[in-house]
Amino acid sequence: MANTSSAKKAVRKLERRTRINRMRRSAMRTQLRKAEEAIAKGDAGNALTVLSTTESVVMRSVQKGVIHKNTASRTVSRLTKRVKALSAQAAQA
């Protein structure tokens, strides 16, 4: 346990940051789940709308330091690829 007042304050700050980061990570994962569900349903229009929101949330997570930039880029890229394939499939039908 922390003994000095500065160490106690550091522990309080760490707990607060952990709680905030956990909330941000949870919100990001929820949005990713919504995007996955939209793609699974096969609705290209809805998937495009959800994709833009998801991209925003994921990139904001990068700015806040929740995830790494490359991880976010990879995630968004894979989602975009799947949505484009879905849109192309809908256009052919």
PDB file of N, CA and C in Angstrom:
ATOM      1  N   MET A   1       0.841  -1.186   0.000  1.00  0.00           N
ATOM      2  CA  MET A   1       0.000   0.000   0.000  1.00  0.00           C
ATOM      3  C   MET A   1       0.880   1.242   0.000  1.00  0.00           C
ATOM      4  N   ALA A   2       0.390   2.297  -0.635  1.00  0.00           N
ATOM      5  CA  ALA A   2       1.161   3.536  -0.724  1.00  0.00           C
ATOM      6  C   ALA A   2       1.272   4.201   0.646  1.00  0.00           C
ATOM      7  N   ASN A   3       2.458   4.727   0.926  1.00  0.00           N
ATOM      8  CA  ASN A   3       2.698   5.377   2.213  1.00  0.00           C
ATOM      9  C   ASN A   3       2.679   6.902   2.113  1.00  0.00           C
ATOM     10  N   THR A   4       3.341   7.429   1.111  1.00  0.00           N
ATOM     11  CA  THR A   4       3.439   8.886   0.997  1.00  0.00           C
ATOM     12  C   THR A   4       2.179   9.457   0.363  1.00  0.00           C
ATOM     13  N   SER A   5       1.977  10.749   0.592  1.00  0.00           N
ATOM     14  CA  SER A   5       0.772  11.382   0.045  1.00  0.00           C
ATOM     15  C   SER A   5       0.816  11.421  -1.479  1.00  0.00           C
ATOM     16  N   SER A   6       2.015  11.587  -2.040  1.00  0.00           N
ATOM     17  CA  SER A   6       2.119  11.616  -3.501  1.00  0.00           C
ATOM     18  C   SER A   6       1.828  10.240  -4.101  1.00  0.00           C
ATOM     19  N   ALA A   7       2.255   9.200  -3.399  1.00  0.00           N
ATOM     20  CA  ALA A   7       1.984   7.846  -3.877  1.00  0.00           C
ATOM     21  C   ALA A   7       0.496   7.533  -3.776  1.00  0.00           C
ATOM     22  N   LYS A   8      -0.150   8.024  -2.712  1.00  0.00           N
ATOM     23  CA  LYS A   8      -1.592   7.814  -2.564  1.00  0.00           C
ATOM     24  C   LYS A   8      -2.357   8.531  -3.672  1.00  0.00           C
ATOM     25  N   LYS A   9      -1.910   9.729  -3.995  1.00  0.00           N
ATOM     26  CA  LYS A   9      -2.549  10.481  -5.074  1.00  0.00           C
ATOM     27  C   LYS A   9      -2.346   9.757  -6.415  1.00  0.00           C
ATOM     28  N   ALA A  10      -1.155   9.215  -6.637  1.00  0.00           N
ATOM     29  CA  ALA A  10      -0.877   8.481  -7.867  1.00  0.00           C
ATOM     30  C   ALA A  10      -1.801   7.274  -7.996  1.00  0.00           C
ATOM     31  N   VAL A  11      -2.054   6.608  -6.888  1.00  0.00           N
ATOM     32  CA  VAL A  11      -2.964   5.453  -6.897  1.00  0.00           C
ATOM     33  C   VAL A  11      -4.381   5.898  -7.250  1.00  0.00           C
ATOM     34  N   ARG A  12      -4.821   7.028  -6.672  1.00  0.00           N
ATOM     35  CA  ARG A  12      -6.157   7.548  -6.989  1.00  0.00           C
ATOM     36  C   ARG A  12      -6.268   7.902  -8.467  1.00  0.00           C
ATOM     37  N   LYS A  13      -5.236   8.538  -9.002  1.00  0.00           N
ATOM     38  CA  LYS A  13      -5.246   8.924 -10.419  1.00  0.00           C
ATOM     39  C   LYS A  13      -5.266   7.683 -11.317  1.00  0.00           C
ATOM     40  N   LEU A  14      -4.487   6.675 -10.933  1.00  0.00           N
ATOM     41  CA  LEU A  14      -4.424   5.444 -11.713  1.00  0.00           C
ATOM     42  C   LEU A  14      -5.779   4.749 -11.746  1.00  0.00           C
ATOM     43  N   GLU A  15      -6.454   4.711 -10.594  1.00  0.00           N
ATOM     44  CA  GLU A  15      -7.775   4.079 -10.538  1.00  0.00           C
ATOM     45  C   GLU A  15      -8.769   4.827 -11.419  1.00  0.00           C
ATOM     46  N   ARG A  16      -8.702   6.150 -11.394  1.00  0.00           N
ATOM     47  CA  ARG A  16      -9.609   6.972 -12.209  1.00  0.00           C
ATOM     48  C   ARG A  16      -9.347   6.732 -13.695  1.00  0.00           C
ATOM     49  N   ARG A  17      -8.073   6.754 -14.109  1.00  0.00           N
ATOM     50  CA  ARG A  17      -7.724   6.546 -15.522  1.00  0.00           C
ATOM     51  C   ARG A  17      -8.145   5.143 -15.966  1.00  0.00           C
ATOM     52  N   THR A  18      -7.950   4.156 -15.103  1.00  0.00           N
ATOM     53  CA  THR A  18      -8.329   2.788 -15.431  1.00  0.00           C
ATOM     54  C   THR A  18      -9.828   2.691 -15.669  1.00  0.00           C
ATOM     55  N   ARG A  19     -10.603   3.342 -14.796  1.00  0.00           N
ATOM     56  CA  ARG A  19     -12.059   3.323 -14.933  1.00  0.00           C
ATOM     57  C   ARG A  19     -12.500   3.993 -16.238  1.00  0.00           C
ATOM     58  N   ILE A  20     -11.885   5.120 -16.567  1.00  0.00           N
ATOM     59  CA  ILE A  20     -12.230   5.841 -17.794  1.00  0.00           C
ATOM     60  C   ILE A  20     -11.845   5.023 -19.019  1.00  0.00           C
ATOM     61  N   ASN A  21     -10.631   4.455 -19.012  1.00  0.00           N
ATOM     62  CA  ASN A  21     -10.188   3.657 -20.159  1.00  0.00           C
ATOM     63  C   ASN A  21     -11.060   2.425 -20.341  1.00  0.00           C
ATOM     64  N   ARG A  22     -11.503   1.830 -19.231  1.00  0.00           N
ATOM     65  CA  ARG A  22     -12.365   0.655 -19.316  1.00  0.00           C
ATOM     66  C   ARG A  22     -13.695   1.022 -19.968  1.00  0.00           C
ATOM     67  N   MET A  23     -14.232   2.189 -19.603  1.00  0.00           N
ATOM     68  CA  MET A  23     -15.492   2.646 -20.212  1.00  0.00           C
ATOM     69  C   MET A  23     -15.314   2.905 -21.705  1.00  0.00           C
ATOM     70  N   ARG A  24     -14.209   3.539 -22.060  1.00  0.00           N
ATOM     71  CA  ARG A  24     -13.961   3.834 -23.479  1.00  0.00           C
ATOM     72  C   ARG A  24     -13.774   2.551 -24.280  1.00  0.00           C
ATOM     73  N   ARG A  25     -13.044   1.602 -23.716  1.00  0.00           N
ATOM     74  CA  ARG A  25     -12.835   0.324 -24.409  1.00  0.00           C
ATOM     75  C   ARG A  25     -14.148  -0.422 -24.583  1.00  0.00           C
ATOM     76  N   SER A  26     -14.986  -0.377 -23.564  1.00  0.00           N
ATOM     77  CA  SER A  26     -16.288  -1.029 -23.623  1.00  0.00           C
ATOM     78  C   SER A  26     -17.165  -0.399 -24.698  1.00  0.00           C
ATOM     79  N   ALA A  27     -17.177   0.931 -24.759  1.00  0.00           N
ATOM     80  CA  ALA A  27     -17.977   1.625 -25.773  1.00  0.00           C
ATOM     81  C   ALA A  27     -17.484   1.285 -27.175  1.00  0.00           C
ATOM     82  N   MET A  28     -16.158   1.194 -27.325  1.00  0.00           N
ATOM     83  CA  MET A  28     -15.589   0.858 -28.623  1.00  0.00           C
ATOM     84  C   MET A  28     -15.988  -0.558 -29.034  1.00  0.00           C
ATOM     85  N   ARG A  29     -15.907  -1.485 -28.097  1.00  0.00           N
ATOM     86  CA  ARG A  29     -16.260  -2.873 -28.408  1.00  0.00           C
ATOM     87  C   ARG A  29     -17.744  -3.006 -28.744  1.00  0.00           C
ATOM     88  N   THR A  30     -18.579  -2.249 -28.051  1.00  0.00           N
ATOM     89  CA  THR A  30     -20.015  -2.269 -28.342  1.00  0.00           C
ATOM     90  C   THR A  30     -20.270  -1.789 -29.762  1.00  0.00           C
ATOM     91  N   GLN A  31     -19.583  -0.717 -30.148  1.00  0.00           N
ATOM     92  CA  GLN A  31     -19.755  -0.188 -31.501  1.00  0.00           C
ATOM     93  C   GLN A  31     -19.247  -1.178 -32.540  1.00  0.00           C
ATOM     94  N   LEU A  32     -18.145  -1.847 -32.258  1.00  0.00           N
ATOM     95  CA  LEU A  32     -17.631  -2.865 -33.177  1.00  0.00           C
ATOM     96  C   LEU A  32     -18.629  -4.012 -33.316  1.00  0.00           C
ATOM     97  N   ARG A  33     -19.272  -4.371 -32.216  1.00  0.00           N
ATOM     98  CA  ARG A  33     -20.276  -5.430 -32.250  1.00  0.00           C
ATOM     99  C   ARG A  33     -21.462  -5.017 -33.120  1.00  0.00           C
ATOM    100  N   LYS A  34     -21.875  -3.763 -33.015  1.00  0.00           N
ATOM    101  CA  LYS A  34     -22.971  -3.258 -33.850  1.00  0.00           C
ATOM    102  C   LYS A  34     -22.606  -3.328 -35.322  1.00  0.00           C
ATOM    103  N   ALA A  35     -21.358  -2.998 -35.637  1.00  0.00           N
ATOM    104  CA  ALA A  35     -20.905  -3.066 -37.030  1.00  0.00           C
ATOM    105  C   ALA A  35     -20.914  -4.506 -37.520  1.00  0.00           C
ATOM    106  N   GLU A  36     -20.447  -5.420 -36.698  1.00  0.00           N
ATOM    107  CA  GLU A  36     -20.448  -6.840 -37.074  1.00  0.00           C
ATOM    108  C   GLU A  36     -21.869  -7.338 -37.313  1.00  0.00           C
ATOM    109  N   GLU A  37     -22.802  -6.918 -36.466  1.00  0.00           N
ATOM    110  CA  GLU A  37     -24.195  -7.344 -36.623  1.00  0.00           C
ATOM    111  C   GLU A  37     -24.804  -6.773 -37.894  1.00  0.00           C
ATOM    112  N   ALA A  38     -24.478  -5.519 -38.212  1.00  0.00           N
ATOM    113  CA  ALA A  38     -24.997  -4.905 -39.434  1.00  0.00           C
ATOM    114  C   ALA A  38     -24.478  -5.635 -40.668  1.00  0.00           C
ATOM    115  N   ILE A  39     -23.221  -6.035 -40.623  1.00  0.00           N
ATOM    116  CA  ILE A  39     -22.637  -6.774 -41.752  1.00  0.00           C
ATOM    117  C   ILE A  39     -23.281  -8.157 -41.847  1.00  0.00           C
ATOM    118  N   ALA A  40     -23.488  -8.794 -40.712  1.00  0.00           N
ATOM    119  CA  ALA A  40     -24.078 -10.134 -40.701  1.00  0.00           C
ATOM    120  C   ALA A  40     -25.502 -10.127 -41.237  1.00  0.00           C
ATOM    121  N   LYS A  41     -26.251  -9.054 -40.974  1.00  0.00           N
ATOM    122  CA  LYS A  41     -27.624  -8.961 -41.482  1.00  0.00           C
ATOM    123  C   LYS A  41     -27.663  -8.802 -42.993  1.00  0.00           C
ATOM    124  N   GLY A  42     -26.585  -8.264 -43.559  1.00  0.00           N
ATOM    125  CA  GLY A  42     -26.524  -8.131 -45.006  1.00  0.00           C
ATOM    126  C   GLY A  42     -27.132  -6.845 -45.541  1.00  0.00           C
ATOM    127  N   ASP A  43     -27.458  -5.913 -44.677  1.00  0.00           N
ATOM    128  CA  ASP A  43     -28.035  -4.637 -45.093  1.00  0.00           C
ATOM    129  C   ASP A  43     -26.896  -3.667 -45.388  1.00  0.00           C
ATOM    130  N   ALA A  44     -26.609  -3.439 -46.677  1.00  0.00           N
ATOM    131  CA  ALA A  44     -25.452  -2.636 -47.077  1.00  0.00           C
ATOM    132  C   ALA A  44     -25.599  -1.175 -46.645  1.00  0.00           C
ATOM    133  N   GLY A  45     -26.789  -0.613 -46.781  1.00  0.00           N
ATOM    134  CA  GLY A  45     -26.994   0.787 -46.409  1.00  0.00           C
ATOM    135  C   GLY A  45     -26.771   1.026 -44.929  1.00  0.00           C
ATOM    136  N   ASN A  46     -27.357   0.162 -44.119  1.00  0.00           N
ATOM    137  CA  ASN A  46     -27.185   0.277 -42.672  1.00  0.00           C
ATOM    138  C   ASN A  46     -25.730   0.025 -42.280  1.00  0.00           C
ATOM    139  N   ALA A  47     -25.089  -0.914 -42.936  1.00  0.00           N
ATOM    140  CA  ALA A  47     -23.697  -1.239 -42.629  1.00  0.00           C
ATOM    141  C   ALA A  47     -22.786  -0.040 -42.915  1.00  0.00           C
ATOM    142  N   LEU A  48     -23.044   0.690 -43.999  1.00  0.00           N
ATOM    143  CA  LEU A  48     -22.248   1.875 -44.310  1.00  0.00           C
ATOM    144  C   LEU A  48     -22.405   2.947 -43.235  1.00  0.00           C
ATOM    145  N   THR A  49     -23.635   3.139 -42.789  1.00  0.00           N
ATOM    146  CA  THR A  49     -23.898   4.137 -41.750  1.00  0.00           C
ATOM    147  C   THR A  49     -23.193   3.764 -40.452  1.00  0.00           C
ATOM    148  N   VAL A  50     -23.331   2.512 -40.067  1.00  0.00           N
ATOM    149  CA  VAL A  50     -22.718   2.047 -38.823  1.00  0.00           C
ATOM    150  C   VAL A  50     -21.194   2.071 -38.939  1.00  0.00           C
ATOM    151  N   LEU A  51     -20.680   1.802 -40.132  1.00  0.00           N
ATOM    152  CA  LEU A  51     -19.229   1.799 -40.339  1.00  0.00           C
ATOM    153  C   LEU A  51     -18.631   3.173 -40.064  1.00  0.00           C
ATOM    154  N   SER A  52     -19.285   4.229 -40.531  1.00  0.00           N
ATOM    155  CA  SER A  52     -18.730   5.563 -40.314  1.00  0.00           C
ATOM    156  C   SER A  52     -18.707   5.908 -38.829  1.00  0.00           C
ATOM    157  N   THR A  53     -19.749   5.531 -38.117  1.00  0.00           N
ATOM    158  CA  THR A  53     -19.787   5.766 -36.671  1.00  0.00           C
ATOM    159  C   THR A  53     -18.709   4.943 -35.968  1.00  0.00           C
ATOM    160  N   THR A  54     -18.567   3.707 -36.394  1.00  0.00           N
ATOM    161  CA  THR A  54     -17.581   2.816 -35.785  1.00  0.00           C
ATOM    162  C   THR A  54     -16.167   3.342 -36.003  1.00  0.00           C
ATOM    163  N   GLU A  55     -15.901   3.789 -37.213  1.00  0.00           N
ATOM    164  CA  GLU A  55     -14.575   4.324 -37.518  1.00  0.00           C
ATOM    165  C   GLU A  55     -14.262   5.515 -36.609  1.00  0.00           C
ATOM    166  N   SER A  56     -15.234   6.365 -36.416  1.00  0.00           N
ATOM    167  CA  SER A  56     -15.059   7.529 -35.554  1.00  0.00           C
ATOM    168  C   SER A  56     -14.740   7.117 -34.121  1.00  0.00           C
ATOM    169  N   VAL A  57     -15.496   6.165 -33.615  1.00  0.00           N
ATOM    170  CA  VAL A  57     -15.294   5.714 -32.229  1.00  0.00           C
ATOM    171  C   VAL A  57     -13.929   5.058 -32.065  1.00  0.00           C
ATOM    172  N   VAL A  58     -13.541   4.235 -33.024  1.00  0.00           N
ATOM    173  CA  VAL A  58     -12.261   3.528 -32.934  1.00  0.00           C
ATOM    174  C   VAL A  58     -11.097   4.523 -32.991  1.00  0.00           C
ATOM    175  N   MET A  59     -11.166   5.478 -33.907  1.00  0.00           N
ATOM    176  CA  MET A  59     -10.083   6.443 -34.025  1.00  0.00           C
ATOM    177  C   MET A  59     -10.024   7.381 -32.815  1.00  0.00           C
ATOM    178  N   ARG A  60     -11.162   7.660 -32.212  1.00  0.00           N
ATOM    179  CA  ARG A  60     -11.166   8.457 -30.989  1.00  0.00           C
ATOM    180  C   ARG A  60     -10.495   7.679 -29.861  1.00  0.00           C
ATOM    181  N   SER A  61     -10.666   6.359 -29.872  1.00  0.00           N
ATOM    182  CA  SER A  61     -10.005   5.522 -28.868  1.00  0.00           C
ATOM    183  C   SER A  61      -8.489   5.607 -29.010  1.00  0.00           C
ATOM    184  N   VAL A  62      -8.024   5.744 -30.245  1.00  0.00           N
ATOM    185  CA  VAL A  62      -6.587   5.905 -30.472  1.00  0.00           C
ATOM    186  C   VAL A  62      -6.115   7.228 -29.872  1.00  0.00           C
ATOM    187  N   GLN A  63      -6.863   8.287 -30.132  1.00  0.00           N
ATOM    188  CA  GLN A  63      -6.480   9.603 -29.605  1.00  0.00           C
ATOM    189  C   GLN A  63      -6.436   9.611 -28.084  1.00  0.00           C
ATOM    190  N   LYS A  64      -7.308   8.846 -27.471  1.00  0.00           N
ATOM    191  CA  LYS A  64      -7.373   8.806 -26.012  1.00  0.00           C
ATOM    192  C   LYS A  64      -6.390   7.805 -25.419  1.00  0.00           C
ATOM    193  N   GLY A  65      -5.674   7.064 -26.269  1.00  0.00           N
ATOM    194  CA  GLY A  65      -4.655   6.149 -25.784  1.00  0.00           C
ATOM    195  C   GLY A  65      -5.177   4.799 -25.338  1.00  0.00           C
ATOM    196  N   VAL A  66      -6.386   4.442 -25.756  1.00  0.00           N
ATOM    197  CA  VAL A  66      -6.955   3.160 -25.348  1.00  0.00           C
ATOM    198  C   VAL A  66      -6.341   2.017 -26.153  1.00  0.00           C
ATOM    199  N   ILE A  67      -6.182   2.234 -27.456  1.00  0.00           N
ATOM    200  CA  ILE A  67      -5.567   1.217 -28.318  1.00  0.00           C
ATOM    201  C   ILE A  67      -4.501   1.874 -29.192  1.00  0.00           C
ATOM    202  N   HIS A  68      -3.685   1.057 -29.811  1.00  0.00           N
ATOM    203  CA  HIS A  68      -2.617   1.548 -30.678  1.00  0.00           C
ATOM    204  C   HIS A  68      -3.175   1.941 -32.042  1.00  0.00           C
ATOM    205  N   LYS A  69      -2.512   2.879 -32.678  1.00  0.00           N
ATOM    206  CA  LYS A  69      -2.961   3.397 -33.963  1.00  0.00           C
ATOM    207  C   LYS A  69      -3.028   2.309 -35.028  1.00  0.00           C
ATOM    208  N   ASN A  70      -2.021   1.454 -35.080  1.00  0.00           N
ATOM    209  CA  ASN A  70      -2.001   0.402 -36.092  1.00  0.00           C
ATOM    210  C   ASN A  70      -3.114  -0.618 -35.868  1.00  0.00           C
ATOM    211  N   THR A  71      -3.411  -0.905 -34.629  1.00  0.00           N
ATOM    212  CA  THR A  71      -4.500  -1.827 -34.306  1.00  0.00           C
ATOM    213  C   THR A  71      -5.822  -1.260 -34.792  1.00  0.00           C
ATOM    214  N   ALA A  72      -6.028   0.021 -34.554  1.00  0.00           N
ATOM    215  CA  ALA A  72      -7.261   0.679 -34.991  1.00  0.00           C
ATOM    216  C   ALA A  72      -7.363   0.695 -36.507  1.00  0.00           C
ATOM    217  N   SER A  73      -6.265   1.018 -37.166  1.00  0.00           N
ATOM    218  CA  SER A  73      -6.260   1.071 -38.629  1.00  0.00           C
ATOM    219  C   SER A  73      -6.568  -0.293 -39.223  1.00  0.00           C
ATOM    220  N   ARG A  74      -5.984  -1.317 -38.640  1.00  0.00           N
ATOM    221  CA  ARG A  74      -6.224  -2.676 -39.123  1.00  0.00           C
ATOM    222  C   ARG A  74      -7.692  -3.066 -38.940  1.00  0.00           C
ATOM    223  N   THR A  75      -8.249  -2.734 -37.797  1.00  0.00           N
ATOM    224  CA  THR A  75      -9.640  -3.058 -37.496  1.00  0.00           C
ATOM    225  C   THR A  75     -10.585  -2.354 -38.469  1.00  0.00           C
ATOM    226  N   VAL A  76     -10.368  -1.057 -38.659  1.00  0.00           N
ATOM    227  CA  VAL A  76     -11.227  -0.276 -39.556  1.00  0.00           C
ATOM    228  C   VAL A  76     -11.073  -0.761 -40.991  1.00  0.00           C
ATOM    229  N   SER A  77      -9.850  -1.082 -41.380  1.00  0.00           N
ATOM    230  CA  SER A  77      -9.601  -1.558 -42.733  1.00  0.00           C
ATOM    231  C   SER A  77     -10.349  -2.862 -43.018  1.00  0.00           C
ATOM    232  N   ARG A  78     -10.308  -3.774 -42.075  1.00  0.00           N
ATOM    233  CA  ARG A  78     -10.987  -5.059 -42.258  1.00  0.00           C
ATOM    234  C   ARG A  78     -12.503  -4.880 -42.319  1.00  0.00           C
ATOM    235  N   LEU A  79     -13.033  -3.995 -41.473  1.00  0.00           N
ATOM    236  CA  LEU A  79     -14.472  -3.735 -41.512  1.00  0.00           C
ATOM    237  C   LEU A  79     -14.876  -3.091 -42.834  1.00  0.00           C
ATOM    238  N   THR A  80     -14.086  -2.120 -43.280  1.00  0.00           N
ATOM    239  CA  THR A  80     -14.372  -1.423 -44.529  1.00  0.00           C
ATOM    240  C   THR A  80     -14.367  -2.393 -45.703  1.00  0.00           C
ATOM    241  N   LYS A  81     -13.415  -3.286 -45.699  1.00  0.00           N
ATOM    242  CA  LYS A  81     -13.311  -4.285 -46.763  1.00  0.00           C
ATOM    243  C   LYS A  81     -14.561  -5.157 -46.815  1.00  0.00           C
ATOM    244  N   ARG A  82     -15.041  -5.557 -45.629  1.00  0.00           N
ATOM    245  CA  ARG A  82     -16.233  -6.407 -45.584  1.00  0.00           C
ATOM    246  C   ARG A  82     -17.486  -5.649 -46.010  1.00  0.00           C
ATOM    247  N   VAL A  83     -17.579  -4.375 -45.623  1.00  0.00           N
ATOM    248  CA  VAL A  83     -18.749  -3.575 -46.006  1.00  0.00           C
ATOM    249  C   VAL A  83     -18.743  -3.325 -47.503  1.00  0.00           C
ATOM    250  N   LYS A  84     -17.569  -3.064 -48.081  1.00  0.00           N
ATOM    251  CA  LYS A  84     -17.483  -2.853 -49.532  1.00  0.00           C
ATOM    252  C   LYS A  84     -17.885  -4.116 -50.282  1.00  0.00           C
ATOM    253  N   ALA A  85     -17.454  -5.265 -49.782  1.00  0.00           N
ATOM    254  CA  ALA A  85     -17.833  -6.526 -50.416  1.00  0.00           C
ATOM    255  C   ALA A  85     -19.343  -6.725 -50.329  1.00  0.00           C
ATOM    256  N   LEU A  86     -19.929  -6.346 -49.223  1.00  0.00           N
ATOM    257  CA  LEU A  86     -21.363  -6.457 -49.040  1.00  0.00           C
ATOM    258  C   LEU A  86     -22.108  -5.524 -49.989  1.00  0.00           C
ATOM    259  N   SER A  87     -21.576  -4.309 -50.141  1.00  0.00           N
ATOM    260  CA  SER A  87     -22.189  -3.338 -51.053  1.00  0.00           C
ATOM    261  C   SER A  87     -22.094  -3.801 -52.499  1.00  0.00           C
ATOM    262  N   ALA A  88     -20.954  -4.370 -52.868  1.00  0.00           N
ATOM    263  CA  ALA A  88     -20.776  -4.882 -54.226  1.00  0.00           C
ATOM    264  C   ALA A  88     -21.700  -6.048 -54.492  1.00  0.00           C
ATOM    265  N   GLN A  89     -21.889  -6.875 -53.485  1.00  0.00           N
ATOM    266  CA  GLN A  89     -22.780  -8.015 -53.600  1.00  0.00           C
ATOM    267  C   GLN A  89     -24.222  -7.559 -53.768  1.00  0.00           C
ATOM    268  N   ALA A  90     -24.594  -6.504 -53.031  1.00  0.00           N
ATOM    269  CA  ALA A  90     -25.957  -5.958 -53.124  1.00  0.00           C
ATOM    270  C   ALA A  90     -26.181  -5.308 -54.473  1.00  0.00           C
ATOM    271  N   ALA A  91     -25.133  -4.694 -55.035  1.00  0.00           N
ATOM    272  CA  ALA A  91     -25.263  -4.023 -56.318  1.00  0.00           C
ATOM    273  C   ALA A  91     -25.467  -5.036 -57.438  1.00  0.00           C
ATOM    274  N   GLN A  92     -24.855  -6.203 -57.334  1.00  0.00           N
ATOM    275  CA  GLN A  92     -24.983  -7.235 -58.357  1.00  0.00           C
ATOM    276  C   GLN A  92     -26.368  -7.871 -58.329  1.00  0.00           C
ATOM    277  N   ALA A  93     -26.951  -7.934 -57.167  1.00  0.00           N
ATOM    278  CA  ALA A  93     -28.229  -8.627 -57.029  1.00  0.00           C
ATOM    279  C   ALA A  93     -29.389  -7.814 -57.550  1.00  0.00           C
TER     280      ALA A  93
END
